[in-house]
Amino acid sequence: MNLLHANDRPGAYPNSFYAATAPLLPAFPALKGAETADLCVIGGGYTGLSTALHAAEAGLSVILLDAQRVGFGASGRNGGQLGSGQRQDQMALEKMLGPEEARLYWRLGEDAKALVKSLIAKHNIDAELKSGVAWTGFTQSEVHELHDYGAHLTARYNYPEIELLDGATCAQVIPSPAYKGGILDRGAAHLHPLKFVLGLARAAEAAGVRLFERSEVHRIDPGDPAVIRTAEGQVTARHVVLACNGYLGGLDRRVAARVMPINNYVIATEPLGDDAARVLTRDIAVADSKFVVNYYRLSEDKRLIFGGGESYGYRFPRDIAAKVRKPMTQIYPHLRDVRIDYAWGGTLAITMKRLPFFSRLAPNILTASGYSGHGVGTATHAGQLLAAAVEGQASGFDAMSRLPTPTFPGGGGLRTPLLIAAMSWFALRDRLGL
């Protein structure tokens, strides 16, 4: 199923809190007729817009094509958390890759955070950037693991931003009866994701990128140059970047075999007023230790923006609010009757190892996707690395392409039922507290 058309109105942003509070851009035109460019970018999320912006600033002529609206996909719908490192923690990377390679990917993760912050400052993007993301545990064992990991980052990576949260401190900062403690990463951050991605679009346009919306790519004819075809036009380009993430569809089977689209859901409550202090006493974001992660933060007007709840299959559930209310009230029982003003779904993409997939599909066709819930920083950074690779400076891109990203069993055919079975098992473990 092509998720570009499965759950949303064509050419419209979802009815999310983000879309209601971001200054939306006037629609860009659809591609009609034949165009040429040095670089054609397919996809208008963090990856594509960052690629286009950096390439245009380097002097390339750039066309960006989006099948819907810029920021339509996960980039404009996510939890807004800008995390440290990679999606896999450093201990896992050390076991998987060895200590030196793991250290390289930590540095690249720090580069990603710094890039997001610098783009916001450079282009004056009002993205509501705030510091601090906490990771919380439901059991003492999980808290011990988190504390050990925080100590590991401090000692091995000279990372001074970790604050250990014991039970009392955690209850003071995050007054939920569900958590026993955790760690607070002061170097991580949270932001308004749609405001950020639309800010990137404004910056790209100002840099000379030609942006086209409602221009779904149906075929790429490889070659030098390549030809990118839509229903009403085509682009002839010396370089192509495929930046579609969970909305790839059948555009490239090699990517689809390694990158799996899945749906996730978010709600925004009514403004909580003084009761917001019963949710968070500091302006931080939270992600917990469940396999199906609960993640949340407070908005500028003191709504709880809460993501969680799983479903299987590509259609959004009929009642997203009810689906997400359940995990929210497990964390905050006193919110069982709170009004939910916005509820929306979105499609992200994961890989088998929860590490992003970077690949050179042809000498002049590059791709990056599969950020597995860690995309605010990693996807934006991917764009910078993709643009540099197009210019012939591929060391960062090549490093990311070395990350292990095996195909899903059965490639594109069996990956969905196998993923459903695996995630159902982990979700059951979450519910049983195992």
Protein backbone atom coordinates (compact mmCIF):
# COMPACT_ATOMS: atom_id res chain seq x y z
CA MET A 1 0.00 0.00 0.00
CA ASN A 2 1.24 3.50 -0.82
CA LEU A 3 1.06 5.43 2.44
CA LEU A 4 1.05 8.72 0.58
CA HIS A 5 -2.65 8.14 -0.01
CA ALA A 6 -3.78 5.73 2.74
CA ASN A 7 -4.70 8.02 5.63
CA ASP A 8 -4.68 11.70 4.66
CA ARG A 9 -6.54 14.14 2.46
CA PRO A 10 -4.51 14.91 -0.69
CA GLY A 11 -2.41 18.03 -0.34
CA ALA A 12 -3.54 18.72 3.24
CA TYR A 13 -1.68 18.64 6.52
CA PRO A 14 -3.28 16.48 9.24
CA ASN A 15 -5.55 18.05 11.83
CA SER A 16 -2.71 18.21 14.33
CA PHE A 17 -1.80 20.67 17.06
CA TYR A 18 1.29 21.44 15.01
CA ALA A 19 -0.64 22.38 11.88
CA ALA A 20 -2.98 24.51 14.00
CA THR A 21 -0.10 26.50 15.51
CA ALA A 22 2.47 26.79 12.71
CA PRO A 23 2.38 29.59 10.11
CA LEU A 24 1.79 27.44 7.03
CA LEU A 25 3.43 28.35 3.74
CA PRO A 26 1.49 29.17 0.58
CA ALA A 27 1.32 26.09 -1.64
CA PHE A 28 4.18 25.61 -4.05
CA PRO A 29 3.19 24.78 -7.64
CA ALA A 30 3.01 21.29 -9.08
CA LEU A 31 5.66 20.29 -11.59
CA LYS A 32 4.42 20.68 -15.16
CA GLY A 33 6.60 20.16 -18.20
CA ALA A 34 10.33 19.53 -18.43
CA GLU A 35 12.93 21.02 -16.07
CA THR A 36 16.66 20.53 -15.56
CA ALA A 37 18.84 20.83 -12.47
CA ASP A 38 22.17 19.77 -11.06
CA LEU A 39 20.31 17.94 -8.28
CA CYS A 40 16.75 16.64 -7.95
CA VAL A 41 15.64 15.86 -4.39
CA ILE A 42 12.59 13.62 -3.94
CA GLY A 43 10.86 14.24 -0.62
CA GLY A 44 10.24 17.45 1.33
CA GLY A 45 10.91 16.43 4.94
CA TYR A 46 13.98 17.08 7.07
CA THR A 47 16.25 14.96 4.86
CA GLY A 48 15.15 16.40 1.55
CA LEU A 49 14.95 20.04 2.62
CA SER A 50 18.29 19.91 4.41
CA THR A 51 19.88 18.31 1.33
CA ALA A 52 18.37 20.92 -0.97
CA LEU A 53 19.34 23.83 1.30
CA HIS A 54 22.95 22.73 1.72
CA ALA A 55 23.38 21.92 -1.97
CA ALA A 56 21.92 25.26 -3.05
CA GLU A 57 24.16 27.13 -0.62
CA ALA A 58 27.10 25.32 -2.26
CA GLY A 59 26.06 26.71 -5.65
CA LEU A 60 24.14 23.82 -7.21
CA SER A 61 20.86 24.30 -9.03
CA VAL A 62 18.30 22.26 -7.10
CA ILE A 63 14.73 21.09 -7.68
CA LEU A 64 12.79 19.46 -4.83
CA LEU A 65 9.67 17.39 -5.51
CA ASP A 66 7.13 16.44 -2.85
CA ALA A 67 4.10 14.27 -3.49
CA GLN A 68 1.98 16.21 -0.98
CA ARG A 69 3.17 19.29 0.98
CA VAL A 70 6.61 20.03 2.40
CA GLY A 71 6.67 18.72 5.97
CA PHE A 72 3.58 16.60 5.27
CA GLY A 73 5.08 13.36 6.61
CA ALA A 74 6.86 12.39 9.83
CA SER A 75 8.92 15.61 9.82
CA GLY A 76 5.81 17.65 10.57
CA ARG A 77 4.04 15.19 12.90
CA ASN A 78 6.61 13.72 15.30
CA GLY A 79 7.22 14.15 19.01
CA GLY A 80 9.78 16.89 18.46
CA GLN A 81 12.63 15.27 20.41
CA LEU A 82 16.22 16.03 19.37
CA GLY A 83 18.15 13.16 20.93
CA SER A 84 21.84 12.53 21.48
CA GLY A 85 23.90 9.94 19.61
CA GLN A 86 22.20 7.41 17.38
CA ARG A 87 18.95 5.49 17.81
CA GLN A 88 20.92 2.61 19.31
CA ASP A 89 22.73 3.58 22.50
CA GLN A 90 26.51 3.67 22.70
CA MET A 91 26.84 0.43 24.65
CA ALA A 92 24.93 -1.40 21.93
CA LEU A 93 27.05 0.22 19.23
CA GLU A 94 30.26 -0.71 21.03
CA LYS A 95 29.19 -4.36 21.10
CA MET A 96 28.03 -4.23 17.48
CA LEU A 97 30.86 -2.21 15.92
CA GLY A 98 33.71 -1.88 18.39
CA PRO A 99 34.69 1.10 20.57
CA GLU A 100 36.37 3.24 17.91
CA GLU A 101 33.53 3.02 15.40
CA ALA A 102 31.03 3.63 18.20
CA ARG A 103 32.93 6.78 19.15
CA LEU A 104 32.73 7.98 15.53
CA TYR A 105 28.94 7.60 15.51
CA TRP A 106 28.65 9.41 18.83
CA ARG A 107 30.52 12.36 17.28
CA LEU A 108 28.26 12.27 14.25
CA GLY A 109 25.24 12.29 16.56
CA GLU A 110 26.61 15.34 18.35
CA ASP A 111 27.16 16.98 14.96
CA ALA A 112 23.48 16.33 14.17
CA LYS A 113 22.26 18.11 17.31
CA ALA A 114 24.60 21.02 16.70
CA LEU A 115 23.43 21.32 13.09
CA VAL A 116 19.75 21.55 14.06
CA LYS A 117 20.51 24.22 16.63
CA SER A 118 22.69 26.17 14.21
CA LEU A 119 20.11 26.06 11.41
CA ILE A 120 17.45 27.38 13.79
CA ALA A 121 19.74 30.24 14.79
CA LYS A 122 21.09 31.00 11.30
CA HIS A 123 17.69 31.11 9.61
CA ASN A 124 15.80 32.63 12.55
CA ILE A 125 13.35 29.72 12.76
CA ASP A 126 10.84 30.08 15.59
CA ALA A 127 10.89 26.37 16.42
CA GLU A 128 10.37 26.70 20.20
CA LEU A 129 13.68 24.96 20.88
CA LYS A 130 14.16 23.96 24.54
CA SER A 131 16.87 21.91 26.24
CA GLY A 132 16.41 18.61 28.04
CA VAL A 133 15.10 15.10 27.37
CA ALA A 134 14.61 12.56 30.20
CA TRP A 135 14.69 8.78 29.85
CA THR A 136 12.65 7.07 32.55
CA GLY A 137 12.40 3.53 33.92
CA PHE A 138 9.45 1.60 35.33
CA THR A 139 11.53 -0.74 37.52
CA GLN A 140 14.60 -0.37 39.70
CA SER A 141 16.44 -2.65 37.29
CA GLU A 142 15.70 -0.30 34.39
CA VAL A 143 16.77 2.69 36.47
CA HIS A 144 20.07 1.00 37.33
CA GLU A 145 20.67 0.39 33.62
CA LEU A 146 19.91 4.02 32.79
CA HIS A 147 22.22 5.25 35.55
CA ASP A 148 24.99 2.94 34.35
CA TYR A 149 24.53 4.29 30.84
CA GLY A 150 24.68 7.88 32.05
CA ALA A 151 27.90 7.13 33.92
CA HIS A 152 29.25 5.45 30.78
CA LEU A 153 28.60 8.55 28.67
CA THR A 154 30.26 10.75 31.27
CA ALA A 155 33.35 8.58 31.68
CA ARG A 156 33.93 7.19 28.18
CA TYR A 157 32.63 10.04 26.02
CA ASN A 158 33.42 13.02 28.26
CA TYR A 159 29.75 14.02 28.02
CA PRO A 160 28.90 16.34 30.94
CA GLU A 161 25.17 16.77 30.25
CA ILE A 162 23.75 13.76 32.11
CA GLU A 163 21.81 14.29 35.34
CA LEU A 164 20.89 11.16 37.29
CA LEU A 165 17.32 11.05 38.56
CA ASP A 166 16.71 8.88 41.62
CA GLY A 167 13.17 8.05 42.66
CA ALA A 168 12.60 11.21 44.66
CA THR A 169 14.16 13.56 42.10
CA CYS A 170 12.28 11.89 39.26
CA ALA A 171 8.99 12.25 41.11
CA GLN A 172 9.75 15.92 41.68
CA VAL A 173 10.54 16.62 38.01
CA ILE A 174 8.13 14.10 36.43
CA PRO A 175 5.33 13.56 38.97
CA SER A 176 4.08 10.24 37.62
CA PRO A 177 3.55 7.24 39.91
CA ALA A 178 4.71 4.95 37.09
CA TYR A 179 8.41 5.83 37.11
CA LYS A 180 11.14 4.78 39.56
CA GLY A 181 13.88 7.09 38.23
CA GLY A 182 15.92 7.77 35.12
CA ILE A 183 18.39 10.17 33.56
CA LEU A 184 18.04 13.68 32.15
CA ASP A 185 20.10 14.57 29.08
CA ARG A 186 20.51 18.34 29.24
CA GLY A 187 22.31 18.34 25.87
CA ALA A 188 19.30 16.89 24.08
CA ALA A 189 16.36 19.14 23.21
CA HIS A 190 12.78 19.37 22.01
CA LEU A 191 11.05 21.61 19.49
CA HIS A 192 7.96 22.26 17.39
CA PRO A 193 8.66 19.89 14.49
CA LEU A 194 6.43 21.47 11.86
CA LYS A 195 7.71 24.97 12.55
CA PHE A 196 11.23 23.64 12.13
CA VAL A 197 10.60 21.86 8.83
CA LEU A 198 8.70 24.83 7.38
CA GLY A 199 11.60 27.03 8.44
CA LEU A 200 13.91 24.78 6.45
CA ALA A 201 11.59 25.13 3.45
CA ARG A 202 11.69 28.93 3.69
CA ALA A 203 15.48 28.85 3.93
CA ALA A 204 15.74 26.49 0.95
CA GLU A 205 13.51 28.70 -1.18
CA ALA A 206 15.55 31.77 -0.20
CA ALA A 207 18.73 29.90 -1.21
CA GLY A 208 17.31 29.34 -4.70
CA VAL A 209 15.78 25.87 -4.47
CA ARG A 210 12.79 25.39 -6.77
CA LEU A 211 10.15 23.56 -4.74
CA PHE A 212 7.23 21.68 -6.29
CA GLU A 213 4.37 20.15 -4.29
CA ARG A 214 1.63 17.71 -5.33
CA SER A 215 4.29 16.23 -7.65
CA GLU A 216 4.49 12.52 -6.91
CA VAL A 217 7.39 10.76 -8.58
CA HIS A 218 6.32 7.62 -10.41
CA ARG A 219 9.61 6.55 -11.95
CA ILE A 220 13.31 7.29 -11.95
CA ASP A 221 15.15 6.47 -15.16
CA PRO A 222 18.78 6.00 -14.09
CA GLY A 223 21.60 7.33 -16.19
CA ASP A 224 23.91 10.28 -16.45
CA PRO A 225 21.83 12.39 -16.32
CA ALA A 226 18.89 10.68 -14.63
CA VAL A 227 15.28 11.47 -15.52
CA ILE A 228 12.69 11.79 -12.75
CA ARG A 229 9.10 11.47 -13.98
CA THR A 230 5.84 12.70 -12.44
CA ALA A 231 2.32 12.59 -13.86
CA GLU A 232 2.66 15.99 -15.52
CA GLY A 233 6.37 16.64 -15.85
CA GLN A 234 9.92 15.44 -15.64
CA VAL A 235 13.25 16.61 -14.26
CA THR A 236 16.57 15.83 -15.91
CA ALA A 237 19.32 15.98 -13.27
CA ARG A 238 22.97 15.05 -12.88
CA HIS A 239 22.32 13.88 -9.32
CA VAL A 240 19.29 12.47 -7.49
CA VAL A 241 18.62 12.17 -3.75
CA LEU A 242 15.83 9.86 -2.62
CA ALA A 243 14.52 11.20 0.71
CA CYS A 244 11.10 9.57 1.09
CA ASN A 245 11.50 7.63 4.37
CA GLY A 246 8.17 5.92 5.26
CA TYR A 247 6.44 7.26 2.15
CA LEU A 248 8.73 5.56 -0.37
CA GLY A 249 6.06 3.22 -1.73
CA GLY A 250 7.40 1.12 -4.61
CA LEU A 251 9.85 3.72 -5.90
CA ASP A 252 12.93 1.59 -5.11
CA ARG A 253 12.77 -2.06 -4.05
CA ARG A 254 16.33 -2.08 -2.66
CA VAL A 255 15.41 0.61 -0.14
CA ALA A 256 12.02 -0.94 0.59
CA ALA A 257 13.67 -4.25 1.53
CA ARG A 258 15.57 -2.50 4.35
CA VAL A 259 13.25 0.31 5.41
CA MET A 260 9.86 -0.51 6.92
CA PRO A 261 7.09 2.09 7.29
CA ILE A 262 5.12 1.97 10.54
CA ASN A 263 2.50 4.27 12.04
CA ASN A 264 2.57 6.08 15.36
CA TYR A 265 0.05 8.33 17.07
CA VAL A 266 0.06 11.59 19.02
CA ILE A 267 -2.51 13.61 20.96
CA ALA A 268 -2.62 17.11 22.40
CA THR A 269 -4.83 17.72 25.41
CA GLU A 270 -6.68 20.87 26.30
CA PRO A 271 -4.46 23.48 28.03
CA LEU A 272 -3.78 22.18 31.54
CA GLY A 273 -3.15 25.52 33.23
CA ASP A 274 -1.83 25.12 36.78
CA ASP A 275 -2.33 21.34 36.50
CA ALA A 276 0.61 21.21 34.07
CA ALA A 277 2.85 21.08 37.15
CA ARG A 278 1.31 17.68 37.92
CA VAL A 279 2.79 16.44 34.60
CA LEU A 280 6.18 18.17 34.38
CA THR A 281 7.78 20.72 36.67
CA ARG A 282 10.60 21.50 34.22
CA ASP A 283 10.25 22.32 30.53
CA ILE A 284 11.73 19.05 29.28
CA ALA A 285 10.61 16.16 27.09
CA VAL A 286 10.32 12.55 28.29
CA ALA A 287 10.73 9.16 26.63
CA ASP A 288 10.32 5.99 28.67
CA SER A 289 11.77 2.51 28.61
CA LYS A 290 8.89 0.63 26.99
CA PHE A 291 9.56 -1.05 23.64
CA VAL A 292 6.54 0.82 22.27
CA VAL A 293 7.88 4.08 23.64
CA ASN A 294 5.72 6.68 25.36
CA TYR A 295 7.08 10.15 24.63
CA TYR A 296 5.73 13.51 25.66
CA ARG A 297 6.28 17.16 26.57
CA LEU A 298 4.27 20.29 27.30
CA SER A 299 3.44 22.81 24.59
CA GLU A 300 3.94 26.54 24.94
CA ASP A 301 0.30 26.87 26.10
CA LYS A 302 0.66 23.99 28.61
CA ARG A 303 -1.04 21.21 26.68
CA LEU A 304 0.33 17.71 27.11
CA ILE A 305 1.58 16.46 23.73
CA PHE A 306 1.72 12.69 24.21
CA GLY A 307 2.76 10.02 21.73
CA GLY A 308 2.19 6.32 22.15
CA GLY A 309 -0.03 3.39 21.35
CA GLU A 310 0.64 0.86 18.64
CA SER A 311 -1.39 -0.49 15.75
CA TYR A 312 -0.59 -2.91 13.00
CA GLY A 313 -1.44 -2.49 9.38
CA TYR A 314 -1.10 0.70 7.38
CA ARG A 315 -4.48 2.27 8.15
CA PHE A 316 -4.80 4.64 11.09
CA PRO A 317 -7.33 3.49 13.73
CA ARG A 318 -10.75 5.12 13.74
CA ASP A 319 -10.32 6.58 17.21
CA ILE A 320 -6.72 7.73 17.61
CA ALA A 321 -7.57 9.71 20.74
CA ALA A 322 -8.82 6.61 22.55
CA LYS A 323 -5.77 4.62 21.49
CA VAL A 324 -3.32 7.16 22.89
CA ARG A 325 -5.42 8.04 25.96
CA LYS A 326 -4.82 4.52 27.29
CA PRO A 327 -1.01 4.74 27.67
CA MET A 328 -1.30 8.40 28.74
CA THR A 329 -3.55 7.48 31.69
CA GLN A 330 -1.20 4.65 32.67
CA ILE A 331 1.47 7.31 33.15
CA TYR A 332 -0.85 10.02 34.51
CA PRO A 333 -4.04 8.46 35.97
CA HIS A 334 -5.36 11.87 37.00
CA LEU A 335 -5.72 12.81 33.30
CA ARG A 336 -8.28 10.08 32.55
CA ASP A 337 -11.03 12.66 31.94
CA VAL A 338 -8.96 15.43 30.35
CA ARG A 339 -10.26 16.73 27.03
CA ILE A 340 -8.23 15.80 23.96
CA ASP A 341 -8.30 18.61 21.42
CA TYR A 342 -6.11 17.07 18.69
CA ALA A 343 -5.27 13.49 17.69
CA TRP A 344 -3.26 12.49 14.64
CA GLY A 345 -1.20 9.71 13.15
CA GLY A 346 1.94 9.67 11.09
CA THR A 347 4.21 7.28 9.25
CA LEU A 348 7.86 6.88 10.15
CA ALA A 349 10.30 4.22 9.02
CA ILE A 350 12.43 1.70 10.89
CA THR A 351 15.20 -0.70 9.98
CA MET A 352 16.07 -4.13 11.38
CA LYS A 353 18.92 -2.74 13.53
CA ARG A 354 17.17 0.60 14.27
CA LEU A 355 20.03 2.36 12.48
CA PRO A 356 19.53 4.58 9.41
CA PHE A 357 20.01 3.29 5.89
CA PHE A 358 22.41 5.37 3.77
CA SER A 359 23.20 4.02 0.31
CA ARG A 360 24.54 4.92 -3.11
CA LEU A 361 21.95 3.25 -5.35
CA ALA A 362 23.81 4.32 -8.48
CA PRO A 363 26.89 6.52 -8.99
CA ASN A 364 24.66 9.60 -9.05
CA ILE A 365 21.64 8.42 -6.97
CA LEU A 366 21.90 8.58 -3.18
CA THR A 367 19.42 7.84 -0.41
CA ALA A 368 19.03 8.09 3.36
CA SER A 369 16.06 6.98 5.48
CA GLY A 370 14.94 4.60 8.24
CA TYR A 371 15.65 6.83 11.24
CA SER A 372 13.59 4.64 13.58
CA GLY A 373 12.20 7.45 15.73
CA HIS A 374 15.48 9.42 15.92
CA GLY A 375 14.96 11.55 12.86
CA VAL A 376 14.86 15.18 14.00
CA GLY A 377 18.62 15.34 14.25
CA THR A 378 19.72 12.38 12.16
CA ALA A 379 17.56 13.22 9.14
CA THR A 380 18.58 16.88 9.15
CA HIS A 381 22.23 15.85 9.40
CA ALA A 382 21.68 13.28 6.64
CA GLY A 383 20.76 16.13 4.33
CA GLN A 384 24.03 17.90 5.03
CA LEU A 385 25.99 14.68 4.43
CA LEU A 386 24.04 13.90 1.23
CA ALA A 387 24.71 17.37 -0.17
CA ALA A 388 28.41 17.06 0.65
CA ALA A 389 28.52 13.64 -1.07
CA VAL A 390 26.92 15.10 -4.19
CA GLU A 391 29.73 17.66 -4.20
CA GLY A 392 32.31 14.86 -3.94
CA GLN A 393 33.00 15.09 -0.19
CA ALA A 394 31.56 11.77 0.91
CA SER A 395 33.43 10.85 4.11
CA GLY A 396 30.46 11.49 6.43
CA PHE A 397 27.99 9.84 4.06
CA ASP A 398 30.29 6.83 3.65
CA ALA A 399 30.63 6.47 7.41
CA MET A 400 26.85 6.38 7.85
CA SER A 401 26.52 3.93 4.97
CA ARG A 402 28.75 1.47 6.88
CA LEU A 403 26.09 1.03 9.57
CA PRO A 404 24.57 -2.45 9.39
CA THR A 405 21.12 -2.34 7.77
CA PRO A 406 20.18 -5.89 6.77
CA THR A 407 17.11 -6.64 4.71
CA PHE A 408 13.94 -7.65 6.48
CA PRO A 409 13.30 -11.41 6.19
CA GLY A 410 11.50 -11.96 2.94
CA GLY A 411 12.45 -8.51 1.66
CA GLY A 412 9.40 -6.38 1.00
CA GLY A 413 6.98 -9.34 0.88
CA LEU A 414 7.17 -10.93 4.36
CA ARG A 415 8.49 -7.97 6.34
CA THR A 416 5.05 -6.68 7.40
CA PRO A 417 3.61 -9.87 8.98
CA LEU A 418 6.94 -10.63 10.63
CA LEU A 419 7.16 -7.13 12.06
CA ILE A 420 3.58 -7.36 13.33
CA ALA A 421 4.39 -10.63 15.10
CA ALA A 422 7.56 -9.20 16.67
CA MET A 423 5.98 -5.93 17.80
CA SER A 424 2.92 -7.74 19.17
CA TRP A 425 5.25 -9.82 21.34
CA PHE A 426 7.15 -6.80 22.63
CA ALA A 427 3.93 -4.89 23.23
CA LEU A 428 2.65 -7.84 25.29
CA ARG A 429 5.88 -7.76 27.32
CA ASP A 430 5.28 -4.04 27.94
CA ARG A 431 1.74 -4.70 29.17
CA LEU A 432 2.90 -7.55 31.44
CA GLY A 433 5.80 -5.49 32.78
CA LEU A 434 8.41 -8.05 31.69
